C-alpha atoms as a PDB file:
ATOM      1  CA  MET A   1     -10.182   7.376  -1.655  1.00  0.00           C
ATOM      2  CA  ASP A   2      -9.031   7.900  -5.409  1.00  0.00           C
ATOM      3  CA  ARG A   3      -7.012   5.421  -7.033  1.00  0.00           C
ATOM      4  CA  ASP A   4      -4.623   7.923  -8.529  1.00  0.00           C
ATOM      5  CA  GLU A   5      -4.244   9.531  -4.775  1.00  0.00           C
ATOM      6  CA  ILE A   6      -0.716   8.927  -3.850  1.00  0.00           C
ATOM      7  CA  VAL A   7      -0.382   7.089  -0.760  1.00  0.00           C
ATOM      8  CA  CYS A   8       3.450   6.879  -0.075  1.00  0.00           C
ATOM      9  CA  HIS A   9       5.030  10.225  -1.089  1.00  0.00           C
ATOM     10  CA  CYS A  10       8.552   8.873  -0.618  1.00  0.00           C
ATOM     11  CA  MET A  11       8.191   6.250  -3.182  1.00  0.00           C
ATOM     12  CA  GLU A  12       5.561   7.952  -5.403  1.00  0.00           C
ATOM     13  CA  VAL A  13       2.888   4.764  -5.142  1.00  0.00           C
ATOM     14  CA  SER A  14      -0.688   5.193  -5.619  1.00  0.00           C
ATOM     15  CA  TYR A  15      -3.765   3.886  -3.729  1.00  0.00           C
ATOM     16  CA  GLY A  16      -4.774   2.193  -6.857  1.00  0.00           C
ATOM     17  CA  GLU A  17      -1.221   0.661  -7.163  1.00  0.00           C
ATOM     18  CA  ILE A  18      -1.301  -0.743  -3.890  1.00  0.00           C
ATOM     19  CA  VAL A  19      -4.858  -2.250  -3.880  1.00  0.00           C
ATOM     20  CA  ALA A  20      -3.668  -4.097  -7.205  1.00  0.00           C
ATOM     21  CA  ALA A  21      -0.670  -5.605  -5.635  1.00  0.00           C
ATOM     22  CA  ILE A  22      -2.723  -6.879  -2.635  1.00  0.00           C
ATOM     23  CA  LYS A  23      -5.359  -8.660  -4.732  1.00  0.00           C
ATOM     24  CA  ALA A  24      -2.772  -9.808  -7.254  1.00  0.00           C
ATOM     25  CA  ASN A  25      -0.145 -10.992  -4.921  1.00  0.00           C
ATOM     26  CA  THR A  26      -2.416 -11.878  -1.785  1.00  0.00           C
ATOM     27  CA  LEU A  27      -0.808  -9.388   0.134  1.00  0.00           C
ATOM     28  CA  LYS A  28      -1.413  -9.581   4.120  1.00  0.00           C
ATOM     29  CA  THR A  29       1.207  -7.416   5.604  1.00  0.00           C
ATOM     30  CA  VAL A  30       2.500  -3.777   5.328  1.00  0.00           C
ATOM     31  CA  GLU A  31       5.931  -5.569   4.852  1.00  0.00           C
ATOM     32  CA  ASP A  32       4.282  -7.396   1.866  1.00  0.00           C
ATOM     33  CA  VAL A  33       3.274  -4.396   0.520  1.00  0.00           C
ATOM     34  CA  GLY A  34       6.487  -2.893   0.940  1.00  0.00           C
ATOM     35  CA  GLU A  35       8.398  -5.460  -0.713  1.00  0.00           C
ATOM     36  CA  ALA A  36       5.880  -5.540  -3.786  1.00  0.00           C
ATOM     37  CA  THR A  37       5.700  -1.972  -4.139  1.00  0.00           C
ATOM     38  CA  ASN A  38       8.447  -0.110  -2.186  1.00  0.00           C
ATOM     39  CA  ALA A  39       5.324   1.756  -0.496  1.00  0.00           C
ATOM     40  CA  GLY A  40       6.437   2.309   3.038  1.00  0.00           C
ATOM     41  CA  THR A  41       9.787   1.641   2.601  1.00  0.00           C
ATOM     42  CA  GLY A  42      10.871   5.554   3.085  1.00  0.00           C
ATOM     43  CA  CYS A  43      10.181   7.495   5.896  1.00  0.00           C
ATOM     44  CA  GLY A  44       7.201   5.095   7.187  1.00  0.00           C
ATOM     45  CA  GLY A  45       4.945   7.642   7.386  1.00  0.00           C
ATOM     46  CA  CYS A  46       2.284   5.834   5.471  1.00  0.00           C
ATOM     47  CA  GLN A  47       2.545   2.396   6.923  1.00  0.00           C
ATOM     48  CA  THR A  48      -0.743   3.116   8.912  1.00  0.00           C
ATOM     49  CA  VAL A  49      -2.849   4.003   5.928  1.00  0.00           C
ATOM     50  CA  ILE A  50      -1.266   0.751   4.001  1.00  0.00           C
ATOM     51  CA  GLN A  51      -2.888  -1.223   7.000  1.00  0.00           C
ATOM     52  CA  GLU A  52      -5.996   0.652   6.739  1.00  0.00           C
ATOM     53  CA  ILE A  53      -6.041  -0.522   2.801  1.00  0.00           C
ATOM     54  CA  LEU A  54      -5.074  -4.055   3.923  1.00  0.00           C
ATOM     55  CA  ASP A  55      -7.863  -4.208   6.068  1.00  0.00           C
ATOM     56  CA  GLU A  56     -10.602  -3.006   3.764  1.00  0.00           C
ATOM     57  CA  ILE A  57      -9.210  -5.463   0.993  1.00  0.00           C
ATOM     58  CA  ASN A  58      -8.663  -8.629   3.419  1.00  0.00           C
ATOM     59  CA  GLY A  59     -11.388  -7.771   5.645  1.00  0.00           C
END
């Protein structure tokens, strides 16, 4: 996924912003990402993708 690709369209949060927040704050859950970036807090449609990004980063 490209760093500039929008993951959360409701809140206009990109893949790169989510990855940076996960790494900088050692985020572990979709809820953590939502608190840090607002991603996934609108309609919730992107929460599956956020979980996939968390799995990719955290193993």
